[in-house]
PDB file of N, CA and C in Angstrom:
ATOM      1  N   MET A   1      30.528  92.214 -49.414  1.00  0.00           N
ATOM      2  CA  MET A   1      31.714  91.843 -49.269  1.00  0.00           C
ATOM      3  C   MET A   1      32.559  92.257 -47.859  1.00  0.00           C
ATOM      4  N   ALA A   2      32.619  91.789 -47.064  1.00  0.00           N
ATOM      5  CA  ALA A   2      33.363  92.170 -45.644  1.00  0.00           C
ATOM      6  C   ALA A   2      34.628  92.651 -46.023  1.00  0.00           C
ATOM      7  N   ALA A   3      34.977  93.783 -45.176  1.00  0.00           N
ATOM      8  CA  ALA A   3      36.301  94.249 -45.281  1.00  0.00           C
ATOM      9  C   ALA A   3      37.322  93.652 -44.558  1.00  0.00           C
ATOM     10  N   VAL A   4      38.376  93.443 -45.228  1.00  0.00           N
ATOM     11  CA  VAL A   4      39.393  92.549 -44.344  1.00  0.00           C
ATOM     12  C   VAL A   4      40.204  93.232 -43.948  1.00  0.00           C
ATOM     13  N   SER A   5      40.999  93.435 -42.534  1.00  0.00           N
ATOM     14  CA  SER A   5      41.929  94.266 -42.043  1.00  0.00           C
ATOM     15  C   SER A   5      43.280  93.796 -42.737  1.00  0.00           C
ATOM     16  N   ARG A   6      44.248  94.882 -42.507  1.00  0.00           N
ATOM     17  CA  ARG A   6      45.581  94.548 -42.715  1.00  0.00           C
ATOM     18  C   ARG A   6      46.127  93.124 -41.843  1.00  0.00           C
ATOM     19  N   SER A   7      45.745  93.149 -40.658  1.00  0.00           N
ATOM     20  CA  SER A   7      46.059  91.995 -39.664  1.00  0.00           C
ATOM     21  C   SER A   7      45.564  90.529 -40.027  1.00  0.00           C
ATOM     22  N   GLU A   8      44.296  90.889 -40.398  1.00  0.00           N
ATOM     23  CA  GLU A   8      43.805  89.792 -40.938  1.00  0.00           C
ATOM     24  C   GLU A   8      44.023  89.235 -42.238  1.00  0.00           C
ATOM     25  N   LEU A   9      44.521  90.120 -43.260  1.00  0.00           N
ATOM     26  CA  LEU A   9      45.453  89.725 -44.247  1.00  0.00           C
ATOM     27  C   LEU A   9      46.470  88.790 -44.163  1.00  0.00           C
ATOM     28  N   LEU A  10      47.439  89.465 -43.297  1.00  0.00           N
ATOM     29  CA  LEU A  10      48.449  88.842 -42.756  1.00  0.00           C
ATOM     30  C   LEU A  10      48.328  87.539 -42.200  1.00  0.00           C
ATOM     31  N   LYS A  11      47.262  87.567 -41.510  1.00  0.00           N
ATOM     32  CA  LYS A  11      47.212  86.252 -40.787  1.00  0.00           C
ATOM     33  C   LYS A  11      46.704  85.244 -42.186  1.00  0.00           C
ATOM     34  N   ILE A  12      45.783  85.553 -42.961  1.00  0.00           N
ATOM     35  CA  ILE A  12      45.490  84.718 -44.080  1.00  0.00           C
ATOM     36  C   ILE A  12      46.789  84.468 -45.045  1.00  0.00           C
ATOM     37  N   HIS A  13      47.672  85.235 -45.016  1.00  0.00           N
ATOM     38  CA  HIS A  13      48.834  84.814 -45.863  1.00  0.00           C
ATOM     39  C   HIS A  13      49.754  84.019 -45.021  1.00  0.00           C
ATOM     40  N   GLU A  14      49.861  84.189 -43.709  1.00  0.00           N
ATOM     41  CA  GLU A  14      50.764  83.176 -42.724  1.00  0.00           C
ATOM     42  C   GLU A  14      49.927  81.708 -42.893  1.00  0.00           C
ATOM     43  N   ASP A  15      48.621  81.585 -42.782  1.00  0.00           N
ATOM     44  CA  ASP A  15      48.106  80.226 -42.731  1.00  0.00           C
ATOM     45  C   ASP A  15      48.021  79.573 -44.140  1.00  0.00           C
ATOM     46  N   ILE A  16      47.913  80.422 -45.074  1.00  0.00           N
ATOM     47  CA  ILE A  16      48.220  79.746 -46.575  1.00  0.00           C
ATOM     48  C   ILE A  16      49.621  79.364 -47.027  1.00  0.00           C
ATOM     49  N   CYS A  17      50.487  80.185 -46.269  1.00  0.00           N
ATOM     50  CA  CYS A  17      51.818  79.665 -46.726  1.00  0.00           C
ATOM     51  C   CYS A  17      52.325  78.644 -45.916  1.00  0.00           C
ATOM     52  N   LEU A  18      51.693  78.535 -44.545  1.00  0.00           N
ATOM     53  CA  LEU A  18      52.287  77.323 -43.666  1.00  0.00           C
ATOM     54  C   LEU A  18      51.384  75.938 -44.440  1.00  0.00           C
ATOM     55  N   ALA A  19      50.305  76.123 -44.522  1.00  0.00           N
ATOM     56  CA  ALA A  19      49.596  75.096 -45.317  1.00  0.00           C
ATOM     57  C   ALA A  19      50.131  74.854 -46.520  1.00  0.00           C
ATOM     58  N   SER A  20      50.560  75.619 -47.374  1.00  0.00           N
ATOM     59  CA  SER A  20      51.284  75.414 -48.683  1.00  0.00           C
ATOM     60  C   SER A  20      52.658  74.296 -48.499  1.00  0.00           C
ATOM     61  N   ARG A  21      53.272  74.770 -47.388  1.00  0.00           N
ATOM     62  CA  ARG A  21      54.647  74.474 -46.953  1.00  0.00           C
ATOM     63  C   ARG A  21      54.220  73.018 -46.697  1.00  0.00           C
ATOM     64  N   GLU A  22      53.419  72.673 -46.018  1.00  0.00           N
ATOM     65  CA  GLU A  22      52.942  71.279 -45.581  1.00  0.00           C
ATOM     66  C   GLU A  22      52.553  70.526 -46.621  1.00  0.00           C
ATOM     67  N   LEU A  23      51.961  71.008 -47.638  1.00  0.00           N
ATOM     68  CA  LEU A  23      51.875  70.201 -48.779  1.00  0.00           C
ATOM     69  C   LEU A  23      52.657  70.035 -49.741  1.00  0.00           C
ATOM     70  N   MET A  24      53.830  70.811 -49.692  1.00  0.00           N
ATOM     71  CA  MET A  24      54.779  70.827 -50.603  1.00  0.00           C
ATOM     72  C   MET A  24      55.636  69.650 -50.013  1.00  0.00           C
ATOM     73  N   LYS A  25      55.781  69.492 -48.739  1.00  0.00           N
ATOM     74  CA  LYS A  25      56.428  68.380 -48.320  1.00  0.00           C
ATOM     75  C   LYS A  25      56.089  67.055 -48.462  1.00  0.00           C
ATOM     76  N   LYS A  26      54.642  66.926 -48.466  1.00  0.00           N
ATOM     77  CA  LYS A  26      54.064  65.807 -48.996  1.00  0.00           C
ATOM     78  C   LYS A  26      54.277  65.375 -50.202  1.00  0.00           C
ATOM     79  N   LYS A  27      53.864  66.527 -51.151  1.00  0.00           N
ATOM     80  CA  LYS A  27      53.715  66.108 -52.596  1.00  0.00           C
ATOM     81  C   LYS A  27      55.026  65.792 -53.103  1.00  0.00           C
ATOM     82  N   ASN A  28      56.243  66.664 -52.737  1.00  0.00           N
ATOM     83  CA  ASN A  28      57.488  66.749 -53.174  1.00  0.00           C
ATOM     84  C   ASN A  28      58.260  65.440 -52.875  1.00  0.00           C
ATOM     85  N   HIS A  29      57.777  64.960 -51.636  1.00  0.00           N
ATOM     86  CA  HIS A  29      58.254  63.455 -51.386  1.00  0.00           C
ATOM     87  C   HIS A  29      57.973  62.464 -52.427  1.00  0.00           C
ATOM     88  N   ASP A  30      56.572  62.400 -52.892  1.00  0.00           N
ATOM     89  CA  ASP A  30      56.329  61.629 -53.674  1.00  0.00           C
ATOM     90  C   ASP A  30      56.717  61.870 -55.294  1.00  0.00           C
ATOM     91  N   TYR A  31      56.839  63.335 -55.490  1.00  0.00           N
ATOM     92  CA  TYR A  31      57.300  63.660 -56.735  1.00  0.00           C
ATOM     93  C   TYR A  31      58.718  63.575 -57.063  1.00  0.00           C
ATOM     94  N   SER A  32      59.376  63.480 -56.108  1.00  0.00           N
ATOM     95  CA  SER A  32      60.700  63.415 -56.232  1.00  0.00           C
ATOM     96  C   SER A  32      61.578  62.147 -55.959  1.00  0.00           C
ATOM     97  N   GLY A  33      60.863  61.046 -56.471  1.00  0.00           N
ATOM     98  CA  GLY A  33      61.553  59.798 -56.307  1.00  0.00           C
ATOM     99  C   GLY A  33      61.427  59.260 -54.766  1.00  0.00           C
ATOM    100  N   GLY A  34      60.615  59.698 -53.672  1.00  0.00           N
ATOM    101  CA  GLY A  34      60.424  59.236 -52.562  1.00  0.00           C
ATOM    102  C   GLY A  34      61.644  59.621 -51.506  1.00  0.00           C
ATOM    103  N   GLU A  35      62.343  58.817 -51.080  1.00  0.00           N
ATOM    104  CA  GLU A  35      63.465  58.973 -50.215  1.00  0.00           C
ATOM    105  C   GLU A  35      64.492  60.038 -50.457  1.00  0.00           C
ATOM    106  N   ASP A  36      64.724  59.931 -51.930  1.00  0.00           N
ATOM    107  CA  ASP A  36      65.901  60.488 -52.312  1.00  0.00           C
ATOM    108  C   ASP A  36      65.398  62.238 -52.383  1.00  0.00           C
ATOM    109  N   GLU A  37      66.479  62.899 -51.329  1.00  0.00           N
ATOM    110  CA  GLU A  37      66.017  64.323 -51.161  1.00  0.00           C
ATOM    111  C   GLU A  37      66.871  65.065 -52.011  1.00  0.00           C
ATOM    112  N   THR A  38      67.579  64.314 -52.871  1.00  0.00           N
ATOM    113  CA  THR A  38      68.596  65.350 -53.676  1.00  0.00           C
ATOM    114  C   THR A  38      68.007  65.638 -55.161  1.00  0.00           C
ATOM    115  N   HIS A  39      66.868  65.449 -55.268  1.00  0.00           N
ATOM    116  CA  HIS A  39      66.110  65.885 -56.485  1.00  0.00           C
ATOM    117  C   HIS A  39      64.623  66.355 -56.396  1.00  0.00           C
ATOM    118  N   PRO A  40      64.597  67.234 -55.713  1.00  0.00           N
ATOM    119  CA  PRO A  40      63.329  67.829 -55.549  1.00  0.00           C
ATOM    120  C   PRO A  40      62.434  68.443 -56.641  1.00  0.00           C
ATOM    121  N   PHE A  41      63.166  68.535 -57.925  1.00  0.00           N
ATOM    122  CA  PHE A  41      62.572  69.173 -58.952  1.00  0.00           C
ATOM    123  C   PHE A  41      62.582  67.981 -60.154  1.00  0.00           C
ATOM    124  N   LEU A  42      62.627  66.656 -59.352  1.00  0.00           N
ATOM    125  CA  LEU A  42      62.618  65.445 -60.512  1.00  0.00           C
ATOM    126  C   LEU A  42      61.205  65.607 -61.505  1.00  0.00           C
ATOM    127  N   ASN A  43      60.223  65.846 -60.821  1.00  0.00           N
ATOM    128  CA  ASN A  43      58.858  66.002 -61.603  1.00  0.00           C
ATOM    129  C   ASN A  43      59.087  66.955 -62.723  1.00  0.00           C
ATOM    130  N   PHE A  44      59.814  67.960 -62.512  1.00  0.00           N
ATOM    131  CA  PHE A  44      59.799  68.821 -63.584  1.00  0.00           C
ATOM    132  C   PHE A  44      60.836  68.563 -64.443  1.00  0.00           C
ATOM    133  N   THR A  45      61.993  68.191 -64.008  1.00  0.00           N
ATOM    134  CA  THR A  45      63.197  67.826 -64.952  1.00  0.00           C
ATOM    135  C   THR A  45      63.121  66.557 -65.996  1.00  0.00           C
ATOM    136  N   ARG A  46      62.110  65.742 -65.409  1.00  0.00           N
ATOM    137  CA  ARG A  46      61.545  64.400 -66.550  1.00  0.00           C
ATOM    138  C   ARG A  46      61.151  65.131 -67.782  1.00  0.00           C
ATOM    139  N   CYS A  47      60.173  65.998 -67.787  1.00  0.00           N
ATOM    140  CA  CYS A  47      59.702  66.341 -69.069  1.00  0.00           C
ATOM    141  C   CYS A  47      60.885  66.824 -70.091  1.00  0.00           C
ATOM    142  N   GLU A  48      62.293  67.233 -69.123  1.00  0.00           N
ATOM    143  CA  GLU A  48      63.156  67.861 -70.165  1.00  0.00           C
ATOM    144  C   GLU A  48      63.863  66.507 -70.472  1.00  0.00           C
ATOM    145  N   SER A  49      64.258  65.277 -69.627  1.00  0.00           N
ATOM    146  CA  SER A  49      64.818  64.196 -70.132  1.00  0.00           C
ATOM    147  C   SER A  49      64.281  63.472 -71.132  1.00  0.00           C
ATOM    148  N   MET A  50      62.652  63.436 -71.031  1.00  0.00           N
ATOM    149  CA  MET A  50      61.771  62.923 -72.043  1.00  0.00           C
ATOM    150  C   MET A  50      61.721  63.495 -73.432  1.00  0.00           C
ATOM    151  N   GLY A  51      62.145  64.902 -73.424  1.00  0.00           N
ATOM    152  CA  GLY A  51      62.246  65.516 -74.779  1.00  0.00           C
ATOM    153  C   GLY A  51      60.962  66.229 -75.027  1.00  0.00           C
ATOM    154  N   ILE A  52      60.238  66.382 -74.107  1.00  0.00           N
ATOM    155  CA  ILE A  52      58.887  67.163 -73.895  1.00  0.00           C
ATOM    156  C   ILE A  52      59.102  68.545 -74.282  1.00  0.00           C
ATOM    157  N   CYS A  53      59.906  69.205 -73.149  1.00  0.00           N
ATOM    158  CA  CYS A  53      59.950  70.764 -73.279  1.00  0.00           C
ATOM    159  C   CYS A  53      61.203  70.989 -72.001  1.00  0.00           C
ATOM    160  N   THR A  54      61.652  71.822 -71.959  1.00  0.00           N
ATOM    161  CA  THR A  54      62.526  72.550 -71.005  1.00  0.00           C
ATOM    162  C   THR A  54      61.864  72.324 -69.611  1.00  0.00           C
ATOM    163  N   THR A  55      62.878  72.109 -68.447  1.00  0.00           N
ATOM    164  CA  THR A  55      62.357  72.106 -67.452  1.00  0.00           C
ATOM    165  C   THR A  55      61.622  73.543 -66.984  1.00  0.00           C
ATOM    166  N   GLU A  56      62.029  74.587 -67.431  1.00  0.00           N
ATOM    167  CA  GLU A  56      61.296  75.823 -67.206  1.00  0.00           C
ATOM    168  C   GLU A  56      60.177  75.832 -67.733  1.00  0.00           C
ATOM    169  N   GLN A  57      59.755  75.329 -69.092  1.00  0.00           N
ATOM    170  CA  GLN A  57      58.690  75.209 -69.665  1.00  0.00           C
ATOM    171  C   GLN A  57      57.571  74.246 -69.019  1.00  0.00           C
ATOM    172  N   GLY A  58      58.249  73.492 -68.240  1.00  0.00           N
ATOM    173  CA  GLY A  58      57.499  72.558 -67.094  1.00  0.00           C
ATOM    174  C   GLY A  58      56.566  72.967 -66.244  1.00  0.00           C
ATOM    175  N   PHE A  59      57.567  73.911 -65.529  1.00  0.00           N
ATOM    176  CA  PHE A  59      56.870  74.865 -64.555  1.00  0.00           C
ATOM    177  C   PHE A  59      55.937  75.786 -64.868  1.00  0.00           C
ATOM    178  N   LEU A  60      56.082  76.297 -65.899  1.00  0.00           N
ATOM    179  CA  LEU A  60      54.980  77.301 -66.614  1.00  0.00           C
ATOM    180  C   LEU A  60      53.955  76.366 -67.210  1.00  0.00           C
ATOM    181  N   VAL A  61      53.958  75.327 -67.461  1.00  0.00           N
ATOM    182  CA  VAL A  61      52.583  74.226 -67.965  1.00  0.00           C
ATOM    183  C   VAL A  61      52.007  74.203 -66.838  1.00  0.00           C
ATOM    184  N   ARG A  62      52.429  73.754 -65.814  1.00  0.00           N
ATOM    185  CA  ARG A  62      51.647  73.392 -64.517  1.00  0.00           C
ATOM    186  C   ARG A  62      51.176  74.475 -63.848  1.00  0.00           C
ATOM    187  N   LEU A  63      51.700  75.796 -64.144  1.00  0.00           N
ATOM    188  CA  LEU A  63      51.098  76.870 -63.517  1.00  0.00           C
ATOM    189  C   LEU A  63      50.189  77.509 -64.498  1.00  0.00           C
ATOM    190  N   THR A  64      50.160  77.023 -65.834  1.00  0.00           N
ATOM    191  CA  THR A  64      49.202  77.371 -66.514  1.00  0.00           C
ATOM    192  C   THR A  64      47.802  76.712 -66.461  1.00  0.00           C
ATOM    193  N   ASP A  65      48.125  75.204 -66.202  1.00  0.00           N
ATOM    194  CA  ASP A  65      47.041  74.469 -65.897  1.00  0.00           C
ATOM    195  C   ASP A  65      46.042  75.116 -64.537  1.00  0.00           C
ATOM    196  N   LYS A  66      46.997  75.699 -63.483  1.00  0.00           N
ATOM    197  CA  LYS A  66      45.940  76.301 -62.439  1.00  0.00           C
ATOM    198  C   LYS A  66      45.563  77.386 -62.775  1.00  0.00           C
ATOM    199  N   MET A  67      46.019  78.290 -63.462  1.00  0.00           N
ATOM    200  CA  MET A  67      45.635  79.890 -64.000  1.00  0.00           C
ATOM    201  C   MET A  67      44.218  79.305 -64.865  1.00  0.00           C
ATOM    202  N   SER A  68      44.394  78.559 -65.565  1.00  0.00           N
ATOM    203  CA  SER A  68      43.164  78.087 -66.181  1.00  0.00           C
ATOM    204  C   SER A  68      42.242  77.725 -65.522  1.00  0.00           C
ATOM    205  N   ARG A  69      42.344  76.864 -64.446  1.00  0.00           N
ATOM    206  CA  ARG A  69      41.516  76.392 -63.328  1.00  0.00           C
ATOM    207  C   ARG A  69      40.774  77.664 -62.787  1.00  0.00           C
ATOM    208  N   LEU A  70      41.935  78.302 -62.246  1.00  0.00           N
ATOM    209  CA  LEU A  70      41.312  79.585 -61.629  1.00  0.00           C
ATOM    210  C   LEU A  70      40.474  80.832 -62.866  1.00  0.00           C
ATOM    211  N   SER A  71      40.908  80.867 -63.909  1.00  0.00           N
ATOM    212  CA  SER A  71      40.173  81.481 -64.809  1.00  0.00           C
ATOM    213  C   SER A  71      38.605  81.040 -65.213  1.00  0.00           C
ATOM    214  N   THR A  72      38.628  79.540 -64.972  1.00  0.00           N
ATOM    215  CA  THR A  72      37.067  78.991 -65.191  1.00  0.00           C
ATOM    216  C   THR A  72      36.357  79.424 -63.617  1.00  0.00           C
ATOM    217  N   PHE A  73      37.027  79.420 -62.896  1.00  0.00           N
ATOM    218  CA  PHE A  73      36.273  79.764 -61.325  1.00  0.00           C
ATOM    219  C   PHE A  73      35.817  81.250 -61.475  1.00  0.00           C
ATOM    220  N   CYS A  74      36.556  81.989 -61.776  1.00  0.00           N
ATOM    221  CA  CYS A  74      36.197  83.295 -61.987  1.00  0.00           C
ATOM    222  C   CYS A  74      35.014  83.653 -62.903  1.00  0.00           C
ATOM    223  N   ARG A  75      34.888  82.712 -63.653  1.00  0.00           N
ATOM    224  CA  ARG A  75      33.813  82.803 -64.865  1.00  0.00           C
ATOM    225  C   ARG A  75      32.722  82.357 -64.401  1.00  0.00           C
ATOM    226  N   SER A  76      32.788  81.288 -63.729  1.00  0.00           N
ATOM    227  CA  SER A  76      31.483  80.274 -63.333  1.00  0.00           C
ATOM    228  C   SER A  76      31.320  80.480 -61.870  1.00  0.00           C
ATOM    229  N   GLY A  77      32.286  80.864 -61.046  1.00  0.00           N
ATOM    230  CA  GLY A  77      31.961  80.919 -59.702  1.00  0.00           C
ATOM    231  C   GLY A  77      32.414  79.717 -58.792  1.00  0.00           C
ATOM    232  N   ARG A  78      32.736  78.610 -59.559  1.00  0.00           N
ATOM    233  CA  ARG A  78      32.760  77.106 -58.812  1.00  0.00           C
ATOM    234  C   ARG A  78      33.950  76.515 -59.792  1.00  0.00           C
ATOM    235  N   LEU A  79      34.587  75.619 -59.138  1.00  0.00           N
ATOM    236  CA  LEU A  79      35.766  74.932 -59.610  1.00  0.00           C
ATOM    237  C   LEU A  79      35.166  73.649 -60.141  1.00  0.00           C
ATOM    238  N   GLN A  80      35.367  73.094 -61.348  1.00  0.00           N
ATOM    239  CA  GLN A  80      34.969  72.055 -61.946  1.00  0.00           C
ATOM    240  C   GLN A  80      35.447  70.837 -61.415  1.00  0.00           C
ATOM    241  N   VAL A  81      36.519  70.748 -60.948  1.00  0.00           N
ATOM    242  CA  VAL A  81      36.967  69.346 -60.303  1.00  0.00           C
ATOM    243  C   VAL A  81      36.338  69.496 -58.706  1.00  0.00           C
ATOM    244  N   GLU A  82      35.392  68.497 -58.300  1.00  0.00           N
ATOM    245  CA  GLU A  82      34.582  68.531 -57.246  1.00  0.00           C
ATOM    246  C   GLU A  82      35.467  68.203 -55.862  1.00  0.00           C
ATOM    247  N   ASP A  83      36.626  67.601 -55.992  1.00  0.00           N
ATOM    248  CA  ASP A  83      37.299  67.422 -54.797  1.00  0.00           C
ATOM    249  C   ASP A  83      38.389  68.528 -54.533  1.00  0.00           C
ATOM    250  N   GLU A  84      38.552  69.835 -55.391  1.00  0.00           N
ATOM    251  CA  GLU A  84      39.399  70.549 -55.255  1.00  0.00           C
ATOM    252  C   GLU A  84      38.801  71.897 -54.828  1.00  0.00           C
ATOM    253  N   ARG A  85      39.225  72.406 -53.787  1.00  0.00           N
ATOM    254  CA  ARG A  85      39.025  73.866 -53.242  1.00  0.00           C
ATOM    255  C   ARG A  85      39.572  74.687 -53.858  1.00  0.00           C
ATOM    256  N   LEU A  86      39.130  76.203 -54.133  1.00  0.00           N
ATOM    257  CA  LEU A  86      39.652  77.247 -54.185  1.00  0.00           C
ATOM    258  C   LEU A  86      41.413  77.146 -53.861  1.00  0.00           C
ATOM    259  N   GLU A  87      41.446  77.257 -52.254  1.00  0.00           N
ATOM    260  CA  GLU A  87      42.345  77.179 -51.502  1.00  0.00           C
ATOM    261  C   GLU A  87      43.502  76.076 -52.223  1.00  0.00           C
ATOM    262  N   ASP A  88      43.028  74.808 -52.393  1.00  0.00           N
ATOM    263  CA  ASP A  88      43.995  73.860 -52.810  1.00  0.00           C
ATOM    264  C   ASP A  88      44.717  74.506 -54.346  1.00  0.00           C
ATOM    265  N   THR A  89      43.761  75.004 -55.130  1.00  0.00           N
ATOM    266  CA  THR A  89      44.476  75.625 -56.389  1.00  0.00           C
ATOM    267  C   THR A  89      45.504  76.539 -56.094  1.00  0.00           C
ATOM    268  N   LEU A  90      45.111  77.364 -55.212  1.00  0.00           N
ATOM    269  CA  LEU A  90      45.986  78.455 -54.913  1.00  0.00           C
ATOM    270  C   LEU A  90      47.183  78.169 -53.983  1.00  0.00           C
ATOM    271  N   GLN A  91      47.371  77.002 -53.299  1.00  0.00           N
ATOM    272  CA  GLN A  91      48.708  76.222 -52.772  1.00  0.00           C
ATOM    273  C   GLN A  91      49.417  75.854 -53.636  1.00  0.00           C
ATOM    274  N   ASP A  92      48.845  75.216 -54.966  1.00  0.00           N
ATOM    275  CA  ASP A  92      49.577  74.813 -55.889  1.00  0.00           C
ATOM    276  C   ASP A  92      50.121  75.927 -56.754  1.00  0.00           C
ATOM    277  N   VAL A  93      49.702  76.964 -56.813  1.00  0.00           N
ATOM    278  CA  VAL A  93      50.357  77.868 -57.828  1.00  0.00           C
ATOM    279  C   VAL A  93      51.363  78.686 -56.662  1.00  0.00           C
ATOM    280  N   ILE A  94      50.960  78.700 -55.488  1.00  0.00           N
ATOM    281  CA  ILE A  94      52.341  79.156 -54.543  1.00  0.00           C
ATOM    282  C   ILE A  94      53.446  78.224 -54.393  1.00  0.00           C
ATOM    283  N   ASN A  95      52.980  76.711 -54.459  1.00  0.00           N
ATOM    284  CA  ASN A  95      54.091  75.872 -54.503  1.00  0.00           C
ATOM    285  C   ASN A  95      54.848  75.852 -55.627  1.00  0.00           C
ATOM    286  N   TYR A  96      54.149  75.748 -56.887  1.00  0.00           N
ATOM    287  CA  TYR A  96      54.860  75.877 -58.210  1.00  0.00           C
ATOM    288  C   TYR A  96      55.752  77.241 -58.469  1.00  0.00           C
ATOM    289  N   ALA A  97      55.530  78.308 -57.865  1.00  0.00           N
ATOM    290  CA  ALA A  97      56.199  79.452 -58.182  1.00  0.00           C
ATOM    291  C   ALA A  97      57.227  79.214 -57.137  1.00  0.00           C
ATOM    292  N   VAL A  98      57.277  78.705 -55.997  1.00  0.00           N
ATOM    293  CA  VAL A  98      58.463  78.622 -55.032  1.00  0.00           C
ATOM    294  C   VAL A  98      59.333  77.349 -55.606  1.00  0.00           C
ATOM    295  N   LEU A  99      58.881  76.433 -56.230  1.00  0.00           N
ATOM    296  CA  LEU A  99      59.714  75.752 -57.206  1.00  0.00           C
ATOM    297  C   LEU A  99      60.522  76.024 -57.925  1.00  0.00           C
ATOM    298  N   PHE A 100      59.650  76.767 -58.932  1.00  0.00           N
ATOM    299  CA  PHE A 100      60.454  77.577 -60.063  1.00  0.00           C
ATOM    300  C   PHE A 100      61.729  78.355 -59.603  1.00  0.00           C
ATOM    301  N   LEU A 101      61.283  79.370 -58.380  1.00  0.00           N
ATOM    302  CA  LEU A 101      62.296  79.885 -57.793  1.00  0.00           C
ATOM    303  C   LEU A 101      63.298  79.453 -57.248  1.00  0.00           C
ATOM    304  N   ALA A 102      63.299  78.295 -56.504  1.00  0.00           N
ATOM    305  CA  ALA A 102      64.382  77.371 -56.172  1.00  0.00           C
ATOM    306  C   ALA A 102      64.943  76.635 -57.272  1.00  0.00           C
ATOM    307  N   TYR A 103      64.569  76.331 -58.238  1.00  0.00           N
ATOM    308  CA  TYR A 103      65.248  75.753 -59.399  1.00  0.00           C
ATOM    309  C   TYR A 103      66.044  76.837 -60.167  1.00  0.00           C
ATOM    310  N   SER A 104      65.435  77.755 -60.402  1.00  0.00           N
ATOM    311  CA  SER A 104      66.272  78.979 -60.991  1.00  0.00           C
ATOM    312  C   SER A 104      67.682  79.162 -60.303  1.00  0.00           C
ATOM    313  N   LYS A 105      67.492  79.302 -58.732  1.00  0.00           N
ATOM    314  CA  LYS A 105      68.374  79.774 -57.984  1.00  0.00           C
ATOM    315  C   LYS A 105      69.404  78.576 -58.088  1.00  0.00           C
ATOM    316  N   SER A 106      68.947  77.436 -58.117  1.00  0.00           N
ATOM    317  CA  SER A 106      70.062  76.081 -58.316  1.00  0.00           C
ATOM    318  C   SER A 106      70.687  75.912 -59.535  1.00  0.00           C
ATOM    319  N   THR A 107      70.598  76.700 -60.586  1.00  0.00           N
ATOM    320  CA  THR A 107      70.886  76.508 -62.024  1.00  0.00           C
ATOM    321  C   THR A 107      71.895  77.927 -62.074  1.00  0.00           C
ATOM    322  N   GLU A 108      71.748  78.971 -61.102  1.00  0.00           N
ATOM    323  CA  GLU A 108      72.379  80.063 -61.463  1.00  0.00           C
ATOM    324  C   GLU A 108      74.039  80.100 -61.719  1.00  0.00           C
ATOM    325  N   GLY A 109      74.364  80.924 -62.215  1.00  0.00           N
ATOM    326  CA  GLY A 109      76.140  80.594 -62.384  1.00  0.00           C
ATOM    327  C   GLY A 109      76.641  79.562 -62.799  1.00  0.00           C
TER     328      GLY A 109
END
């Protein structure tokens, strides 16, 4: 395994965060009802309005799905979903974490 320098690490961080942000723009538009930008968490609050679980638990469920996928990858060395790359799964983890943080901040106080 080749060593990664600190500057290379920071470049990887920058690249995946930028890619994750672009992915969030696209997916959040679809999941939040389209043009209505006032409901960026709609995909998560729906589970609460349907009586399935709390919004916070909805975030955890989605994160757990991704962690399970990563666990399988660690055991087998490959992802079972053919059209999803490791980077895709990690971008989803990043975005769910950011969404969870933003939702938590929006409900404070």
